[in-house]
């Protein structure tokens, strides 16, 4: 049994061997059982939203999150993003504060980051699903192995991507990235617990664009 995900053809090609591995079949079986008993976020057709919104060849930057928001009406398959009309979670509020301070744009009116995805920002969580109300409830069921493979594949097959790693768990993923070919922006996490320890003032948005422009790549329009 393979996962056969609803995922953009460019990613199916890049990751084709991974979907046939045993752990992905086990992950699929786990998710089927979970859905019988619990509410799972995001919706099934949005689990691979990050990949469908940003094709493999279009990736200019990666913003790595941990697991999806676990409240109703929030997660829709893009890291840190919430549906339009949903209140901004604290981390997203801090991301927007830094965005305004960094590039001088107006404070966003929507927490939907789909525009960033269309601009070439892969909004990737290390876990792609979660139980309602239970953070990290889907850890150690295979998603970490899959998303590590995604990062490693981007590192190996592409060049000049900016990997934005916020917080210690994301920072550990630097081991998967070839820093001779790519640029890593590291800082503390934007959560209220750590944002004042170095996230504010880290200028991830302008640093990303400076790197891209220096290599003749069209910069990202971060305005929302």
C-alpha atoms as a PDB file:
ATOM      1  CA  UNK A   1       0.000   0.000   0.000  1.00  0.00           C
ATOM      2  CA  UNK A   2       1.493   3.370  -1.022  1.00  0.00           C
ATOM      3  CA  UNK A   3       0.342   6.732   0.259  1.00  0.00           C
ATOM      4  CA  UNK A   4      -0.638   8.064  -3.201  1.00  0.00           C
ATOM      5  CA  UNK A   5      -0.968  11.623  -1.881  1.00  0.00           C
ATOM      6  CA  UNK A   6      -2.764  14.561  -3.419  1.00  0.00           C
ATOM      7  CA  UNK A   7       0.499  16.329  -4.160  1.00  0.00           C
ATOM      8  CA  UNK A   8       1.837  18.427  -7.037  1.00  0.00           C
ATOM      9  CA  UNK A   9       3.382  16.363  -9.848  1.00  0.00           C
ATOM     10  CA  UNK A  10       6.760  18.083  -9.428  1.00  0.00           C
ATOM     11  CA  UNK A  11       6.940  16.846  -5.834  1.00  0.00           C
ATOM     12  CA  UNK A  12       5.684  13.378  -6.774  1.00  0.00           C
ATOM     13  CA  UNK A  13       8.617  13.150  -9.153  1.00  0.00           C
ATOM     14  CA  UNK A  14      11.165  14.509  -6.668  1.00  0.00           C
ATOM     15  CA  UNK A  15       9.948  12.286  -3.828  1.00  0.00           C
ATOM     16  CA  UNK A  16       8.651   9.320  -5.828  1.00  0.00           C
ATOM     17  CA  UNK A  17      10.607   6.568  -4.074  1.00  0.00           C
ATOM     18  CA  UNK A  18       9.648   7.849  -0.611  1.00  0.00           C
ATOM     19  CA  UNK A  19       5.912   7.264  -1.010  1.00  0.00           C
ATOM     20  CA  UNK A  20       6.480   3.547  -1.558  1.00  0.00           C
ATOM     21  CA  UNK A  21       8.459   3.003   1.628  1.00  0.00           C
ATOM     22  CA  UNK A  22       7.002   0.911   4.424  1.00  0.00           C
ATOM     23  CA  UNK A  23       6.899   3.745   6.942  1.00  0.00           C
ATOM     24  CA  UNK A  24       4.627   5.766   4.652  1.00  0.00           C
ATOM     25  CA  UNK A  25       2.184   2.876   4.441  1.00  0.00           C
ATOM     26  CA  UNK A  26       2.242   2.655   8.235  1.00  0.00           C
ATOM     27  CA  UNK A  27       1.652   6.410   8.466  1.00  0.00           C
ATOM     28  CA  UNK A  28      -1.325   6.164   6.122  1.00  0.00           C
ATOM     29  CA  UNK A  29      -2.823   3.332   8.189  1.00  0.00           C
ATOM     30  CA  UNK A  30      -2.321   5.375  11.381  1.00  0.00           C
ATOM     31  CA  UNK A  31      -4.075   8.394   9.873  1.00  0.00           C
ATOM     32  CA  UNK A  32      -7.005   6.294   8.653  1.00  0.00           C
ATOM     33  CA  UNK A  33      -7.534   4.966  12.194  1.00  0.00           C
ATOM     34  CA  UNK A  34      -7.102   8.410  13.737  1.00  0.00           C
ATOM     35  CA  UNK A  35      -9.766   9.910  11.484  1.00  0.00           C
ATOM     36  CA  UNK A  36     -12.246   7.224  12.548  1.00  0.00           C
ATOM     37  CA  UNK A  37     -11.969   8.285  16.186  1.00  0.00           C
ATOM     38  CA  UNK A  38     -10.808  11.905  16.306  1.00  0.00           C
ATOM     39  CA  UNK A  39     -10.841  15.248  14.556  1.00  0.00           C
ATOM     40  CA  UNK A  40      -7.613  15.760  12.627  1.00  0.00           C
ATOM     41  CA  UNK A  41      -6.145  19.005  11.309  1.00  0.00           C
ATOM     42  CA  UNK A  42      -5.719  20.088   8.599  1.00  0.00           C
ATOM     43  CA  UNK A  43      -8.404  18.617   6.336  1.00  0.00           C
ATOM     44  CA  UNK A  44      -7.292  15.688   4.213  1.00  0.00           C
ATOM     45  CA  UNK A  45      -7.108  17.666   0.983  1.00  0.00           C
ATOM     46  CA  UNK A  46      -4.920  20.274   2.709  1.00  0.00           C
ATOM     47  CA  UNK A  47      -2.314  17.982   4.275  1.00  0.00           C
ATOM     48  CA  UNK A  48       0.033  18.592   1.328  1.00  0.00           C
ATOM     49  CA  UNK A  49      -1.040  22.200   0.749  1.00  0.00           C
ATOM     50  CA  UNK A  50       2.522  23.493   1.126  1.00  0.00           C
ATOM     51  CA  UNK A  51       3.680  21.296  -1.746  1.00  0.00           C
ATOM     52  CA  UNK A  52       0.698  22.075  -3.960  1.00  0.00           C
ATOM     53  CA  UNK A  53       1.123  25.817  -3.378  1.00  0.00           C
ATOM     54  CA  UNK A  54       4.877  25.846  -4.067  1.00  0.00           C
ATOM     55  CA  UNK A  55       6.049  23.416  -6.794  1.00  0.00           C
ATOM     56  CA  UNK A  56       9.490  21.855  -6.376  1.00  0.00           C
ATOM     57  CA  UNK A  57      11.200  24.010  -8.985  1.00  0.00           C
ATOM     58  CA  UNK A  58       9.696  27.230  -7.616  1.00  0.00           C
ATOM     59  CA  UNK A  59      11.101  26.988  -4.075  1.00  0.00           C
ATOM     60  CA  UNK A  60      13.239  30.014  -3.203  1.00  0.00           C
ATOM     61  CA  UNK A  61      12.952  29.792   0.578  1.00  0.00           C
ATOM     62  CA  UNK A  62      11.709  27.384   3.248  1.00  0.00           C
ATOM     63  CA  UNK A  63      10.110  28.469   6.521  1.00  0.00           C
ATOM     64  CA  UNK A  64      10.115  25.441   8.798  1.00  0.00           C
ATOM     65  CA  UNK A  65       7.438  25.070  11.461  1.00  0.00           C
ATOM     66  CA  UNK A  66       6.813  22.213  13.895  1.00  0.00           C
ATOM     67  CA  UNK A  67       3.264  20.834  13.815  1.00  0.00           C
ATOM     68  CA  UNK A  68      -0.027  22.321  12.577  1.00  0.00           C
ATOM     69  CA  UNK A  69      -2.176  24.556  14.745  1.00  0.00           C
ATOM     70  CA  UNK A  70      -4.580  22.313  16.661  1.00  0.00           C
ATOM     71  CA  UNK A  71      -7.503  24.720  17.131  1.00  0.00           C
ATOM     72  CA  UNK A  72     -10.622  24.814  14.947  1.00  0.00           C
ATOM     73  CA  UNK A  73     -10.446  26.882  11.778  1.00  0.00           C
ATOM     74  CA  UNK A  74      -6.694  27.490  11.975  1.00  0.00           C
ATOM     75  CA  UNK A  75      -4.491  24.972  10.151  1.00  0.00           C
ATOM     76  CA  UNK A  76      -4.683  24.699   6.385  1.00  0.00           C
ATOM     77  CA  UNK A  77      -1.405  23.011   5.531  1.00  0.00           C
ATOM     78  CA  UNK A  78       1.008  25.972   5.525  1.00  0.00           C
ATOM     79  CA  UNK A  79       3.398  26.497   8.442  1.00  0.00           C
ATOM     80  CA  UNK A  80       2.497  29.455  10.680  1.00  0.00           C
ATOM     81  CA  UNK A  81      -0.456  30.349   8.415  1.00  0.00           C
ATOM     82  CA  UNK A  82      -4.123  30.493   9.437  1.00  0.00           C
ATOM     83  CA  UNK A  83      -7.236  30.793   7.331  1.00  0.00           C
ATOM     84  CA  UNK A  84      -8.366  34.270   6.350  1.00  0.00           C
ATOM     85  CA  UNK A  85     -10.563  35.744   9.071  1.00  0.00           C
ATOM     86  CA  UNK A  86      -8.994  33.669  11.857  1.00  0.00           C
ATOM     87  CA  UNK A  87      -7.360  35.433  14.813  1.00  0.00           C
ATOM     88  CA  UNK A  88      -3.568  35.544  14.590  1.00  0.00           C
ATOM     89  CA  UNK A  89      -1.830  33.115  16.976  1.00  0.00           C
ATOM     90  CA  UNK A  90       0.901  34.714  19.134  1.00  0.00           C
ATOM     91  CA  UNK A  91       3.818  33.422  17.029  1.00  0.00           C
ATOM     92  CA  UNK A  92       2.241  34.789  13.866  1.00  0.00           C
ATOM     93  CA  UNK A  93       1.687  38.155  15.539  1.00  0.00           C
ATOM     94  CA  UNK A  94       5.405  38.286  16.305  1.00  0.00           C
ATOM     95  CA  UNK A  95       6.320  37.227  12.766  1.00  0.00           C
ATOM     96  CA  UNK A  96       4.230  40.104  11.470  1.00  0.00           C
ATOM     97  CA  UNK A  97       5.837  42.559  13.922  1.00  0.00           C
ATOM     98  CA  UNK A  98       9.266  41.538  12.632  1.00  0.00           C
ATOM     99  CA  UNK A  99       8.038  41.721   9.026  1.00  0.00           C
ATOM    100  CA  UNK A 100       6.913  45.327   9.503  1.00  0.00           C
ATOM    101  CA  UNK A 101      10.126  46.312  11.313  1.00  0.00           C
ATOM    102  CA  UNK A 102      12.326  44.514   8.787  1.00  0.00           C
ATOM    103  CA  UNK A 103      10.936  45.676   5.437  1.00  0.00           C
ATOM    104  CA  UNK A 104       8.638  48.545   6.413  1.00  0.00           C
ATOM    105  CA  UNK A 105       5.444  47.128   4.960  1.00  0.00           C
ATOM    106  CA  UNK A 106       1.960  47.636   6.461  1.00  0.00           C
ATOM    107  CA  UNK A 107       0.907  45.208   9.202  1.00  0.00           C
ATOM    108  CA  UNK A 108      -0.961  42.333   7.490  1.00  0.00           C
ATOM    109  CA  UNK A 109      -4.735  42.193   7.774  1.00  0.00           C
ATOM    110  CA  UNK A 110      -4.929  38.431   7.151  1.00  0.00           C
ATOM    111  CA  UNK A 111      -3.012  35.525   8.646  1.00  0.00           C
ATOM    112  CA  UNK A 112      -3.279  33.525   5.413  1.00  0.00           C
ATOM    113  CA  UNK A 113       0.277  33.181   4.070  1.00  0.00           C
ATOM    114  CA  UNK A 114      -0.734  31.667   0.722  1.00  0.00           C
ATOM    115  CA  UNK A 115       0.785  34.678  -1.060  1.00  0.00           C
ATOM    116  CA  UNK A 116       4.192  33.783   0.369  1.00  0.00           C
ATOM    117  CA  UNK A 117       3.746  30.217  -0.870  1.00  0.00           C
ATOM    118  CA  UNK A 118       2.940  31.493  -4.366  1.00  0.00           C
ATOM    119  CA  UNK A 119       6.065  33.680  -4.184  1.00  0.00           C
ATOM    120  CA  UNK A 120       8.225  30.567  -3.702  1.00  0.00           C
ATOM    121  CA  UNK A 121       8.262  30.132   0.088  1.00  0.00           C
ATOM    122  CA  UNK A 122       7.731  26.497   1.070  1.00  0.00           C
ATOM    123  CA  UNK A 123       5.787  26.761   4.333  1.00  0.00           C
ATOM    124  CA  UNK A 124       6.715  23.346   5.698  1.00  0.00           C
ATOM    125  CA  UNK A 125       5.883  21.821   9.071  1.00  0.00           C
ATOM    126  CA  UNK A 126       7.963  18.906  10.333  1.00  0.00           C
ATOM    127  CA  UNK A 127       4.660  17.163  11.179  1.00  0.00           C
ATOM    128  CA  UNK A 128       1.850  17.547   8.653  1.00  0.00           C
ATOM    129  CA  UNK A 129      -1.112  16.487  10.823  1.00  0.00           C
ATOM    130  CA  UNK A 130      -2.298  16.814  14.429  1.00  0.00           C
ATOM    131  CA  UNK A 131      -5.232  15.799  16.635  1.00  0.00           C
ATOM    132  CA  UNK A 132      -7.611  18.585  17.570  1.00  0.00           C
ATOM    133  CA  UNK A 133      -6.463  20.165  20.818  1.00  0.00           C
ATOM    134  CA  UNK A 134      -3.351  18.008  21.203  1.00  0.00           C
ATOM    135  CA  UNK A 135      -0.064  19.551  20.116  1.00  0.00           C
ATOM    136  CA  UNK A 136       2.542  17.105  18.781  1.00  0.00           C
ATOM    137  CA  UNK A 137       0.046  14.239  18.963  1.00  0.00           C
ATOM    138  CA  UNK A 138       1.226  12.874  15.591  1.00  0.00           C
ATOM    139  CA  UNK A 139       4.932  12.864  16.332  1.00  0.00           C
ATOM    140  CA  UNK A 140       6.991   9.722  15.761  1.00  0.00           C
ATOM    141  CA  UNK A 141       4.570   8.199  13.262  1.00  0.00           C
ATOM    142  CA  UNK A 142       6.641   8.920  10.152  1.00  0.00           C
ATOM    143  CA  UNK A 143       6.116  12.568   9.312  1.00  0.00           C
ATOM    144  CA  UNK A 144       9.542  13.582  10.656  1.00  0.00           C
ATOM    145  CA  UNK A 145      11.277  11.092   8.375  1.00  0.00           C
ATOM    146  CA  UNK A 146       9.256  12.303   5.400  1.00  0.00           C
ATOM    147  CA  UNK A 147       9.893  16.013   5.960  1.00  0.00           C
ATOM    148  CA  UNK A 148      13.588  15.392   6.665  1.00  0.00           C
ATOM    149  CA  UNK A 149      13.703  13.733   3.249  1.00  0.00           C
ATOM    150  CA  UNK A 150      11.997  16.775   1.729  1.00  0.00           C
ATOM    151  CA  UNK A 151      14.653  19.091   3.190  1.00  0.00           C
ATOM    152  CA  UNK A 152      17.506  16.813   2.141  1.00  0.00           C
ATOM    153  CA  UNK A 153      16.088  16.475  -1.382  1.00  0.00           C
ATOM    154  CA  UNK A 154      15.819  20.242  -1.789  1.00  0.00           C
ATOM    155  CA  UNK A 155      19.376  20.605  -0.517  1.00  0.00           C
ATOM    156  CA  UNK A 156      20.691  17.968  -2.901  1.00  0.00           C
ATOM    157  CA  UNK A 157      18.746  18.703  -6.074  1.00  0.00           C
ATOM    158  CA  UNK A 158      18.392  22.498  -5.932  1.00  0.00           C
ATOM    159  CA  UNK A 159      20.726  25.403  -5.171  1.00  0.00           C
ATOM    160  CA  UNK A 160      20.516  28.910  -3.692  1.00  0.00           C
ATOM    161  CA  UNK A 161      17.543  28.243  -1.406  1.00  0.00           C
ATOM    162  CA  UNK A 162      17.205  30.163   1.857  1.00  0.00           C
ATOM    163  CA  UNK A 163      16.261  27.920   4.796  1.00  0.00           C
ATOM    164  CA  UNK A 164      14.672  29.968   7.599  1.00  0.00           C
ATOM    165  CA  UNK A 165      15.040  28.001  10.817  1.00  0.00           C
ATOM    166  CA  UNK A 166      13.315  29.483  13.858  1.00  0.00           C
ATOM    167  CA  UNK A 167      13.947  27.831  17.225  1.00  0.00           C
ATOM    168  CA  UNK A 168      16.050  24.892  18.388  1.00  0.00           C
ATOM    169  CA  UNK A 169      14.070  22.027  16.763  1.00  0.00           C
ATOM    170  CA  UNK A 170      14.165  23.736  13.366  1.00  0.00           C
ATOM    171  CA  UNK A 171      17.818  24.619  13.865  1.00  0.00           C
ATOM    172  CA  UNK A 172      18.708  20.937  14.143  1.00  0.00           C
ATOM    173  CA  UNK A 173      17.584  20.486  10.528  1.00  0.00           C
ATOM    174  CA  UNK A 174      20.644  22.474   9.417  1.00  0.00           C
ATOM    175  CA  UNK A 175      22.485  19.135   9.458  1.00  0.00           C
ATOM    176  CA  UNK A 176      20.423  18.142   6.390  1.00  0.00           C
ATOM    177  CA  UNK A 177      21.374  21.236   4.392  1.00  0.00           C
ATOM    178  CA  UNK A 178      24.489  21.818   2.271  1.00  0.00           C
ATOM    179  CA  UNK A 179      25.579  25.300   3.311  1.00  0.00           C
ATOM    180  CA  UNK A 180      27.955  25.477   0.346  1.00  0.00           C
ATOM    181  CA  UNK A 181      24.907  25.591  -1.935  1.00  0.00           C
ATOM    182  CA  UNK A 182      22.276  27.246   0.261  1.00  0.00           C
ATOM    183  CA  UNK A 183      21.841  29.960   2.906  1.00  0.00           C
ATOM    184  CA  UNK A 184      20.520  29.345   6.411  1.00  0.00           C
ATOM    185  CA  UNK A 185      18.848  32.078   8.473  1.00  0.00           C
ATOM    186  CA  UNK A 186      18.815  31.015  12.139  1.00  0.00           C
ATOM    187  CA  UNK A 187      17.183  32.712  15.096  1.00  0.00           C
ATOM    188  CA  UNK A 188      15.126  31.966  18.213  1.00  0.00           C
ATOM    189  CA  UNK A 189      11.491  31.009  17.648  1.00  0.00           C
ATOM    190  CA  UNK A 190       8.880  33.780  17.239  1.00  0.00           C
ATOM    191  CA  UNK A 191       6.779  32.434  20.114  1.00  0.00           C
ATOM    192  CA  UNK A 192       6.219  34.828  23.034  1.00  0.00           C
ATOM    193  CA  UNK A 193       8.554  32.670  25.147  1.00  0.00           C
ATOM    194  CA  UNK A 194      11.573  33.338  22.949  1.00  0.00           C
ATOM    195  CA  UNK A 195      10.895  36.165  20.490  1.00  0.00           C
ATOM    196  CA  UNK A 196      12.709  38.732  22.644  1.00  0.00           C
ATOM    197  CA  UNK A 197      15.800  36.521  22.871  1.00  0.00           C
ATOM    198  CA  UNK A 198      16.851  37.286  19.305  1.00  0.00           C
ATOM    199  CA  UNK A 199      13.956  36.722  16.933  1.00  0.00           C
ATOM    200  CA  UNK A 200      13.067  40.396  16.951  1.00  0.00           C
ATOM    201  CA  UNK A 201      15.710  42.220  14.949  1.00  0.00           C
ATOM    202  CA  UNK A 202      16.910  39.084  13.131  1.00  0.00           C
ATOM    203  CA  UNK A 203      15.666  40.498   9.785  1.00  0.00           C
ATOM    204  CA  UNK A 204      14.881  37.157   8.099  1.00  0.00           C
ATOM    205  CA  UNK A 205      12.872  38.714   5.288  1.00  0.00           C
ATOM    206  CA  UNK A 206      15.415  41.268   4.085  1.00  0.00           C
ATOM    207  CA  UNK A 207      18.318  38.842   4.569  1.00  0.00           C
ATOM    208  CA  UNK A 208      16.518  36.293   2.418  1.00  0.00           C
ATOM    209  CA  UNK A 209      15.971  38.805  -0.369  1.00  0.00           C
ATOM    210  CA  UNK A 210      19.533  40.133  -0.152  1.00  0.00           C
ATOM    211  CA  UNK A 211      20.831  36.606  -0.695  1.00  0.00           C
ATOM    212  CA  UNK A 212      18.485  35.937  -3.611  1.00  0.00           C
ATOM    213  CA  UNK A 213      19.204  39.246  -5.334  1.00  0.00           C
ATOM    214  CA  UNK A 214      22.967  38.716  -4.992  1.00  0.00           C
ATOM    215  CA  UNK A 215      22.524  35.543  -7.049  1.00  0.00           C
ATOM    216  CA  UNK A 216      20.314  37.058  -9.716  1.00  0.00           C
ATOM    217  CA  UNK A 217      17.116  35.501  -8.341  1.00  0.00           C
ATOM    218  CA  UNK A 218      13.904  37.515  -8.203  1.00  0.00           C
ATOM    219  CA  UNK A 219      13.329  38.498  -4.551  1.00  0.00           C
ATOM    220  CA  UNK A 220      10.226  37.491  -2.616  1.00  0.00           C
ATOM    221  CA  UNK A 221       7.360  39.950  -2.261  1.00  0.00           C
ATOM    222  CA  UNK A 222       6.683  39.540   1.450  1.00  0.00           C
ATOM    223  CA  UNK A 223       3.817  42.057   1.577  1.00  0.00           C
ATOM    224  CA  UNK A 224       0.471  40.515   2.496  1.00  0.00           C
END
